[in-house]
């Protein structure tokens, strides 16, 4: 798998998703070691986690080689993943 990390690390949605993923992982590790990670109450914590999960989703599934969150014109014409060979 080839990943152009220079492009990904300059892509804002990817960075937002990576940061949200990091927060979720820290929270889960805290729970694992017995720390109470409840923000205000259970519902607020669940809402916070849902927002973070959504940010992770859009940060991971976007095409970092284009601006915004849309796929490139070339990628929109694919019927299957492009084979690099």
PDB file of N, CA and C in Angstrom:
ATOM      1  N   UNK A   1       0.843  -1.170   0.000  1.00  0.00           N
ATOM      2  CA  UNK A   1       0.000   0.000   0.000  1.00  0.00           C
ATOM      3  C   UNK A   1       0.891   1.237   0.000  1.00  0.00           C
ATOM      4  N   UNK A   2       0.685   2.099  -0.970  1.00  0.00           N
ATOM      5  CA  UNK A   2       1.468   3.325  -1.073  1.00  0.00           C
ATOM      6  C   UNK A   2       0.625   4.495  -0.581  1.00  0.00           C
ATOM      7  N   UNK A   3       1.169   5.252   0.346  1.00  0.00           N
ATOM      8  CA  UNK A   3       0.472   6.406   0.896  1.00  0.00           C
ATOM      9  C   UNK A   3       1.398   7.605   0.809  1.00  0.00           C
ATOM     10  N   UNK A   4       0.893   8.673   0.241  1.00  0.00           N
ATOM     11  CA  UNK A   4       1.649   9.911   0.154  1.00  0.00           C
ATOM     12  C   UNK A   4       1.386  10.714   1.432  1.00  0.00           C
ATOM     13  N   UNK A   5       2.207  10.480   2.460  1.00  0.00           N
ATOM     14  CA  UNK A   5       1.986  11.102   3.771  1.00  0.00           C
ATOM     15  C   UNK A   5       2.157  12.612   3.726  1.00  0.00           C
ATOM     16  N   UNK A   6       3.016  13.125   2.832  1.00  0.00           N
ATOM     17  CA  UNK A   6       3.199  14.577   2.731  1.00  0.00           C
ATOM     18  C   UNK A   6       1.892  15.254   2.340  1.00  0.00           C
ATOM     19  N   UNK A   7       1.169  14.650   1.406  1.00  0.00           N
ATOM     20  CA  UNK A   7      -0.116  15.215   0.983  1.00  0.00           C
ATOM     21  C   UNK A   7      -1.158  15.037   2.071  1.00  0.00           C
ATOM     22  N   UNK A   8      -1.222  13.859   2.664  1.00  0.00           N
ATOM     23  CA  UNK A   8      -2.231  13.609   3.708  1.00  0.00           C
ATOM     24  C   UNK A   8      -2.054  14.539   4.901  1.00  0.00           C
ATOM     25  N   UNK A   9      -0.820  14.772   5.319  1.00  0.00           N
ATOM     26  CA  UNK A   9      -0.598  15.608   6.496  1.00  0.00           C
ATOM     27  C   UNK A   9      -0.847  17.088   6.227  1.00  0.00           C
ATOM     28  N   UNK A  10      -1.015  17.466   4.965  1.00  0.00           N
ATOM     29  CA  UNK A  10      -1.373  18.840   4.621  1.00  0.00           C
ATOM     30  C   UNK A  10      -2.877  18.991   4.393  1.00  0.00           C
ATOM     31  N   UNK A  11      -3.619  17.884   4.435  1.00  0.00           N
ATOM     32  CA  UNK A  11      -5.057  17.875   4.150  1.00  0.00           C
ATOM     33  C   UNK A  11      -5.837  18.030   5.455  1.00  0.00           C
ATOM     34  N   UNK A  12      -6.552  19.146   5.595  1.00  0.00           N
ATOM     35  CA  UNK A  12      -7.212  19.475   6.860  1.00  0.00           C
ATOM     36  C   UNK A  12      -8.223  18.437   7.327  1.00  0.00           C
ATOM     37  N   UNK A  13      -9.118  17.902   6.472  1.00  0.00           N
ATOM     38  CA  UNK A  13     -10.052  16.876   6.965  1.00  0.00           C
ATOM     39  C   UNK A  13      -9.335  15.645   7.512  1.00  0.00           C
ATOM     40  N   UNK A  14      -8.224  15.260   6.902  1.00  0.00           N
ATOM     41  CA  UNK A  14      -7.467  14.121   7.415  1.00  0.00           C
ATOM     42  C   UNK A  14      -6.906  14.431   8.797  1.00  0.00           C
ATOM     43  N   UNK A  15      -6.371  15.643   8.976  1.00  0.00           N
ATOM     44  CA  UNK A  15      -5.819  16.025  10.279  1.00  0.00           C
ATOM     45  C   UNK A  15      -6.902  16.078  11.353  1.00  0.00           C
ATOM     46  N   UNK A  16      -8.073  16.598  11.003  1.00  0.00           N
ATOM     47  CA  UNK A  16      -9.188  16.647  11.956  1.00  0.00           C
ATOM     48  C   UNK A  16      -9.591  15.228  12.343  1.00  0.00           C
ATOM     49  N   UNK A  17      -9.680  14.345  11.354  1.00  0.00           N
ATOM     50  CA  UNK A  17     -10.031  12.956  11.633  1.00  0.00           C
ATOM     51  C   UNK A  17      -8.986  12.248  12.481  1.00  0.00           C
ATOM     52  N   UNK A  18      -7.723  12.488  12.187  1.00  0.00           N
ATOM     53  CA  UNK A  18      -6.642  11.867  12.958  1.00  0.00           C
ATOM     54  C   UNK A  18      -6.649  12.369  14.406  1.00  0.00           C
ATOM     55  N   UNK A  19      -6.884  13.675  14.601  1.00  0.00           N
ATOM     56  CA  UNK A  19      -6.946  14.238  15.947  1.00  0.00           C
ATOM     57  C   UNK A  19      -8.144  13.677  16.720  1.00  0.00           C
ATOM     58  N   UNK A  20      -9.298  13.563  16.045  1.00  0.00           N
ATOM     59  CA  UNK A  20     -10.478  13.000  16.696  1.00  0.00           C
ATOM     60  C   UNK A  20     -10.241  11.539  17.066  1.00  0.00           C
ATOM     61  N   UNK A  21      -9.588  10.795  16.182  1.00  0.00           N
ATOM     62  CA  UNK A  21      -9.270   9.401  16.480  1.00  0.00           C
ATOM     63  C   UNK A  21      -8.349   9.304  17.690  1.00  0.00           C
ATOM     64  N   UNK A  22      -7.373  10.186  17.758  1.00  0.00           N
ATOM     65  CA  UNK A  22      -6.457  10.211  18.895  1.00  0.00           C
ATOM     66  C   UNK A  22      -7.217  10.470  20.203  1.00  0.00           C
ATOM     67  N   UNK A  23      -8.170  11.411  20.174  1.00  0.00           N
ATOM     68  CA  UNK A  23      -8.967  11.690  21.376  1.00  0.00           C
ATOM     69  C   UNK A  23      -9.791  10.474  21.795  1.00  0.00           C
ATOM     70  N   UNK A  24     -10.393   9.793  20.827  1.00  0.00           N
ATOM     71  CA  UNK A  24     -11.175   8.599  21.147  1.00  0.00           C
ATOM     72  C   UNK A  24     -10.300   7.494  21.728  1.00  0.00           C
ATOM     73  N   UNK A  25      -9.108   7.317  21.182  1.00  0.00           N
ATOM     74  CA  UNK A  25      -8.191   6.292  21.691  1.00  0.00           C
ATOM     75  C   UNK A  25      -7.755   6.627  23.111  1.00  0.00           C
ATOM     76  N   UNK A  26      -7.438   7.888  23.368  1.00  0.00           N
ATOM     77  CA  UNK A  26      -7.046   8.308  24.721  1.00  0.00           C
ATOM     78  C   UNK A  26      -8.181   8.057  25.698  1.00  0.00           C
ATOM     79  N   UNK A  27      -9.405   8.373  25.268  1.00  0.00           N
ATOM     80  CA  UNK A  27     -10.555   8.150  26.134  1.00  0.00           C
ATOM     81  C   UNK A  27     -10.728   6.652  26.441  1.00  0.00           C
ATOM     82  N   UNK A  28     -10.599   5.803  25.429  1.00  0.00           N
ATOM     83  CA  UNK A  28     -10.765   4.369  25.640  1.00  0.00           C
ATOM     84  C   UNK A  28      -9.662   3.798  26.537  1.00  0.00           C
ATOM     85  N   UNK A  29      -8.445   4.277  26.390  1.00  0.00           N
ATOM     86  CA  UNK A  29      -7.354   3.825  27.261  1.00  0.00           C
ATOM     87  C   UNK A  29      -7.616   4.269  28.696  1.00  0.00           C
ATOM     88  N   UNK A  30      -8.135   5.485  28.864  1.00  0.00           N
ATOM     89  CA  UNK A  30      -8.483   5.961  30.209  1.00  0.00           C
ATOM     90  C   UNK A  30      -9.522   5.080  30.867  1.00  0.00           C
ATOM     91  N   UNK A  31     -10.547   4.694  30.113  1.00  0.00           N
ATOM     92  CA  UNK A  31     -11.584   3.803  30.650  1.00  0.00           C
ATOM     93  C   UNK A  31     -10.980   2.449  31.005  1.00  0.00           C
ATOM     94  N   UNK A  32     -10.079   1.971  30.166  1.00  0.00           N
ATOM     95  CA  UNK A  32      -9.426   0.684  30.402  1.00  0.00           C
ATOM     96  C   UNK A  32      -8.684   0.663  31.735  1.00  0.00           C
ATOM     97  N   UNK A  33      -8.068   1.801  32.094  1.00  0.00           N
ATOM     98  CA  UNK A  33      -7.323   1.892  33.343  1.00  0.00           C
ATOM     99  C   UNK A  33      -8.152   2.438  34.500  1.00  0.00           C
ATOM    100  N   UNK A  34      -9.467   2.549  34.306  1.00  0.00           N
ATOM    101  CA  UNK A  34     -10.348   2.898  35.406  1.00  0.00           C
ATOM    102  C   UNK A  34     -10.608   4.380  35.615  1.00  0.00           C
ATOM    103  N   UNK A  35     -10.196   5.233  34.671  1.00  0.00           N
ATOM    104  CA  UNK A  35     -10.463   6.665  34.798  1.00  0.00           C
ATOM    105  C   UNK A  35     -11.872   6.969  34.297  1.00  0.00           C
ATOM    106  N   UNK A  36     -12.564   7.836  34.996  1.00  0.00           N
ATOM    107  CA  UNK A  36     -13.900   8.248  34.572  1.00  0.00           C
ATOM    108  C   UNK A  36     -13.748   9.343  33.528  1.00  0.00           C
ATOM    109  N   UNK A  37     -14.144   9.057  32.303  1.00  0.00           N
ATOM    110  CA  UNK A  37     -13.977  10.020  31.220  1.00  0.00           C
ATOM    111  C   UNK A  37     -15.290  10.706  30.862  1.00  0.00           C
ATOM    112  N   UNK A  38     -16.271  10.639  31.759  1.00  0.00           N
ATOM    113  CA  UNK A  38     -17.543  11.299  31.514  1.00  0.00           C
ATOM    114  C   UNK A  38     -17.327  12.808  31.516  1.00  0.00           C
ATOM    115  N   UNK A  39     -17.805  13.483  30.479  1.00  0.00           N
ATOM    116  CA  UNK A  39     -17.594  14.922  30.340  1.00  0.00           C
ATOM    117  C   UNK A  39     -18.516  15.692  31.283  1.00  0.00           C
ATOM    118  N   UNK A  40     -19.795  15.624  31.081  1.00  0.00           N
ATOM    119  CA  UNK A  40     -20.773  16.314  31.929  1.00  0.00           C
ATOM    120  C   UNK A  40     -21.739  15.284  32.488  1.00  0.00           C
ATOM    121  N   UNK A  41     -22.334  14.522  31.598  1.00  0.00           N
ATOM    122  CA  UNK A  41     -23.135  13.359  31.960  1.00  0.00           C
ATOM    123  C   UNK A  41     -23.025  12.351  30.820  1.00  0.00           C
ATOM    124  N   UNK A  42     -23.678  11.228  30.946  1.00  0.00           N
ATOM    125  CA  UNK A  42     -23.547  10.162  29.945  1.00  0.00           C
ATOM    126  C   UNK A  42     -23.982  10.610  28.559  1.00  0.00           C
ATOM    127  N   UNK A  43     -25.074  11.355  28.476  1.00  0.00           N
ATOM    128  CA  UNK A  43     -25.597  11.774  27.161  1.00  0.00           C
ATOM    129  C   UNK A  43     -24.641  12.728  26.451  1.00  0.00           C
ATOM    130  N   UNK A  44     -24.058  13.653  27.189  1.00  0.00           N
ATOM    131  CA  UNK A  44     -23.108  14.584  26.587  1.00  0.00           C
ATOM    132  C   UNK A  44     -21.869  13.830  26.114  1.00  0.00           C
ATOM    133  N   UNK A  45     -21.413  12.872  26.905  1.00  0.00           N
ATOM    134  CA  UNK A  45     -20.254  12.068  26.514  1.00  0.00           C
ATOM    135  C   UNK A  45     -20.556  11.264  25.255  1.00  0.00           C
ATOM    136  N   UNK A  46     -21.754  10.673  25.173  1.00  0.00           N
ATOM    137  CA  UNK A  46     -22.136   9.913  23.981  1.00  0.00           C
ATOM    138  C   UNK A  46     -22.216  10.816  22.753  1.00  0.00           C
ATOM    139  N   UNK A  47     -22.760  12.024  22.917  1.00  0.00           N
ATOM    140  CA  UNK A  47     -22.832  12.974  21.808  1.00  0.00           C
ATOM    141  C   UNK A  47     -21.430  13.375  21.359  1.00  0.00           C
ATOM    142  N   UNK A  48     -20.554  13.647  22.318  1.00  0.00           N
ATOM    143  CA  UNK A  48     -19.167  13.998  22.017  1.00  0.00           C
ATOM    144  C   UNK A  48     -18.493  12.874  21.240  1.00  0.00           C
ATOM    145  N   UNK A  49     -18.686  11.642  21.677  1.00  0.00           N
ATOM    146  CA  UNK A  49     -18.075  10.498  20.994  1.00  0.00           C
ATOM    147  C   UNK A  49     -18.635  10.320  19.586  1.00  0.00           C
ATOM    148  N   UNK A  50     -19.931  10.586  19.409  1.00  0.00           N
ATOM    149  CA  UNK A  50     -20.537  10.490  18.079  1.00  0.00           C
ATOM    150  C   UNK A  50     -19.948  11.531  17.144  1.00  0.00           C
ATOM    151  N   UNK A  51     -19.784  12.752  17.622  1.00  0.00           N
ATOM    152  CA  UNK A  51     -19.181  13.811  16.806  1.00  0.00           C
ATOM    153  C   UNK A  51     -17.745  13.441  16.445  1.00  0.00           C
ATOM    154  N   UNK A  52     -16.993  12.941  17.418  1.00  0.00           N
ATOM    155  CA  UNK A  52     -15.609  12.531  17.140  1.00  0.00           C
ATOM    156  C   UNK A  52     -15.571  11.396  16.123  1.00  0.00           C
ATOM    157  N   UNK A  53     -16.474  10.429  16.258  1.00  0.00           N
ATOM    158  CA  UNK A  53     -16.510   9.316  15.311  1.00  0.00           C
ATOM    159  C   UNK A  53     -16.830   9.815  13.901  1.00  0.00           C
ATOM    160  N   UNK A  54     -17.739  10.774  13.779  1.00  0.00           N
ATOM    161  CA  UNK A  54     -18.055  11.343  12.472  1.00  0.00           C
ATOM    162  C   UNK A  54     -16.841  12.062  11.881  1.00  0.00           C
ATOM    163  N   UNK A  55     -16.127  12.816  12.709  1.00  0.00           N
ATOM    164  CA  UNK A  55     -14.934  13.501  12.238  1.00  0.00           C
ATOM    165  C   UNK A  55     -13.876  12.513  11.774  1.00  0.00           C
ATOM    166  N   UNK A  56     -13.745  11.403  12.499  1.00  0.00           N
ATOM    167  CA  UNK A  56     -12.820  10.351  12.076  1.00  0.00           C
ATOM    168  C   UNK A  56     -13.253   9.811  10.718  1.00  0.00           C
ATOM    169  N   UNK A  57     -14.536   9.574  10.560  1.00  0.00           N
ATOM    170  CA  UNK A  57     -15.047   9.031   9.307  1.00  0.00           C
ATOM    171  C   UNK A  57     -14.742   9.948   8.136  1.00  0.00           C
ATOM    172  N   UNK A  58     -15.030  11.233   8.243  1.00  0.00           N
ATOM    173  CA  UNK A  58     -14.786  12.112   7.097  1.00  0.00           C
ATOM    174  C   UNK A  58     -13.301  12.357   6.885  1.00  0.00           C
ATOM    175  N   UNK A  59     -12.512  12.235   7.930  1.00  0.00           N
ATOM    176  CA  UNK A  59     -11.072  12.421   7.777  1.00  0.00           C
ATOM    177  C   UNK A  59     -10.389  11.243   7.140  1.00  0.00           C
ATOM    178  N   UNK A  60     -10.988  10.083   7.225  1.00  0.00           N
ATOM    179  CA  UNK A  60     -10.370   8.880   6.689  1.00  0.00           C
ATOM    180  C   UNK A  60     -10.834   8.590   5.269  1.00  0.00           C
ATOM    181  N   UNK A  61     -12.091   8.864   4.947  1.00  0.00           N
ATOM    182  CA  UNK A  61     -12.624   8.432   3.661  1.00  0.00           C
ATOM    183  C   UNK A  61     -12.518   9.478   2.560  1.00  0.00           C
ATOM    184  N   UNK A  62     -12.029  10.672   2.839  1.00  0.00           N
ATOM    185  CA  UNK A  62     -11.906  11.681   1.793  1.00  0.00           C
ATOM    186  C   UNK A  62     -10.661  11.452   0.956  1.00  0.00           C
ATOM    187  N   UNK A  63     -10.668  11.988  -0.242  1.00  0.00           N
ATOM    188  CA  UNK A  63      -9.525  11.901  -1.133  1.00  0.00           C
ATOM    189  C   UNK A  63      -8.586  13.063  -0.818  1.00  0.00           C
ATOM    190  N   UNK A  64      -7.435  12.822  -0.196  1.00  0.00           N
ATOM    191  CA  UNK A  64      -6.566  13.916   0.217  1.00  0.00           C
ATOM    192  C   UNK A  64      -5.839  14.606  -0.939  1.00  0.00           C
ATOM    193  N   UNK A  65      -5.997  14.086  -2.140  1.00  0.00           N
ATOM    194  CA  UNK A  65      -5.332  14.713  -3.272  1.00  0.00           C
ATOM    195  C   UNK A  65      -6.184  15.797  -3.917  1.00  0.00           C
ATOM    196  N   UNK A  66      -7.380  16.031  -3.361  1.00  0.00           N
ATOM    197  CA  UNK A  66      -8.249  17.089  -3.868  1.00  0.00           C
ATOM    198  C   UNK A  66      -8.599  18.021  -2.727  1.00  0.00           C
ATOM    199  N   UNK A  67      -8.993  19.241  -3.065  1.00  0.00           N
ATOM    200  CA  UNK A  67      -9.417  20.159  -2.010  1.00  0.00           C
ATOM    201  C   UNK A  67     -10.849  19.813  -1.604  1.00  0.00           C
ATOM    202  N   UNK A  68     -11.194  20.093  -0.365  1.00  0.00           N
ATOM    203  CA  UNK A  68     -12.533  19.772   0.129  1.00  0.00           C
ATOM    204  C   UNK A  68     -12.690  18.301   0.432  1.00  0.00           C
ATOM    205  N   UNK A  69     -13.939  17.846   0.472  1.00  0.00           N
ATOM    206  CA  UNK A  69     -14.201  16.454   0.821  1.00  0.00           C
ATOM    207  C   UNK A  69     -14.723  15.648  -0.360  1.00  0.00           C
ATOM    208  N   UNK A  70     -14.711  16.205  -1.556  1.00  0.00           N
ATOM    209  CA  UNK A  70     -15.181  15.491  -2.739  1.00  0.00           C
ATOM    210  C   UNK A  70     -14.057  14.685  -3.366  1.00  0.00           C
ATOM    211  N   UNK A  71     -14.437  13.642  -4.099  1.00  0.00           N
ATOM    212  CA  UNK A  71     -13.458  12.878  -4.869  1.00  0.00           C
ATOM    213  C   UNK A  71     -13.068  13.667  -6.113  1.00  0.00           C
ATOM    214  N   UNK A  72     -11.913  13.349  -6.656  1.00  0.00           N
ATOM    215  CA  UNK A  72     -11.471  13.998  -7.891  1.00  0.00           C
ATOM    216  C   UNK A  72     -12.363  13.547  -9.045  1.00  0.00           C
ATOM    217  N   UNK A  73     -12.359  14.322 -10.123  1.00  0.00           N
ATOM    218  CA  UNK A  73     -13.148  13.967 -11.310  1.00  0.00           C
ATOM    219  C   UNK A  73     -12.742  12.591 -11.826  1.00  0.00           C
ATOM    220  N   UNK A  74     -11.440  12.307 -11.797  1.00  0.00           N
ATOM    221  CA  UNK A  74     -10.950  11.008 -12.262  1.00  0.00           C
ATOM    222  C   UNK A  74     -11.482   9.885 -11.371  1.00  0.00           C
ATOM    223  N   UNK A  75     -11.464  10.096 -10.055  1.00  0.00           N
ATOM    224  CA  UNK A  75     -11.927   9.057  -9.133  1.00  0.00           C
ATOM    225  C   UNK A  75     -13.423   8.805  -9.276  1.00  0.00           C
ATOM    226  N   UNK A  76     -14.186   9.814  -9.663  1.00  0.00           N
ATOM    227  CA  UNK A  76     -15.626   9.638  -9.829  1.00  0.00           C
ATOM    228  C   UNK A  76     -15.962   8.736 -11.013  1.00  0.00           C
ATOM    229  N   UNK A  77     -15.037   8.552 -11.953  1.00  0.00           N
ATOM    230  CA  UNK A  77     -15.295   7.695 -13.115  1.00  0.00           C
ATOM    231  C   UNK A  77     -14.934   6.236 -12.859  1.00  0.00           C
ATOM    232  N   UNK A  78     -14.301   5.925 -11.743  1.00  0.00           N
ATOM    233  CA  UNK A  78     -13.878   4.547 -11.447  1.00  0.00           C
ATOM    234  C   UNK A  78     -15.094   3.678 -11.116  1.00  0.00           C
ATOM    235  N   UNK A  79     -15.059   2.456 -11.619  1.00  0.00           N
ATOM    236  CA  UNK A  79     -16.058   1.454 -11.250  1.00  0.00           C
ATOM    237  C   UNK A  79     -15.479   0.446 -10.262  1.00  0.00           C
ATOM    238  N   UNK A  80     -14.163   0.450 -10.131  1.00  0.00           N
ATOM    239  CA  UNK A  80     -13.445  -0.361  -9.156  1.00  0.00           C
ATOM    240  C   UNK A  80     -12.174   0.396  -8.816  1.00  0.00           C
ATOM    241  N   UNK A  81     -11.509   0.064  -7.723  1.00  0.00           N
ATOM    242  CA  UNK A  81     -10.261   0.769  -7.382  1.00  0.00           C
ATOM    243  C   UNK A  81      -9.243   0.681  -8.507  1.00  0.00           C
ATOM    244  N   UNK A  82      -8.525   1.777  -8.726  1.00  0.00           N
ATOM    245  CA  UNK A  82      -7.524   1.821  -9.787  1.00  0.00           C
ATOM    246  C   UNK A  82      -6.351   0.925  -9.422  1.00  0.00           C
ATOM    247  N   UNK A  83      -5.921   0.123 -10.371  1.00  0.00           N
ATOM    248  CA  UNK A  83      -4.768  -0.747 -10.180  1.00  0.00           C
ATOM    249  C   UNK A  83      -3.523   0.012 -10.604  1.00  0.00           C
ATOM    250  N   UNK A  84      -2.551   0.125  -9.723  1.00  0.00           N
ATOM    251  CA  UNK A  84      -1.337   0.899  -9.997  1.00  0.00           C
ATOM    252  C   UNK A  84      -0.376   0.211 -10.961  1.00  0.00           C
ATOM    253  N   UNK A  85      -0.624  -1.040 -11.259  1.00  0.00           N
ATOM    254  CA  UNK A  85       0.308  -1.788 -12.105  1.00  0.00           C
ATOM    255  C   UNK A  85       0.048  -1.593 -13.563  1.00  0.00           C
TER     256      UNK A  85
END
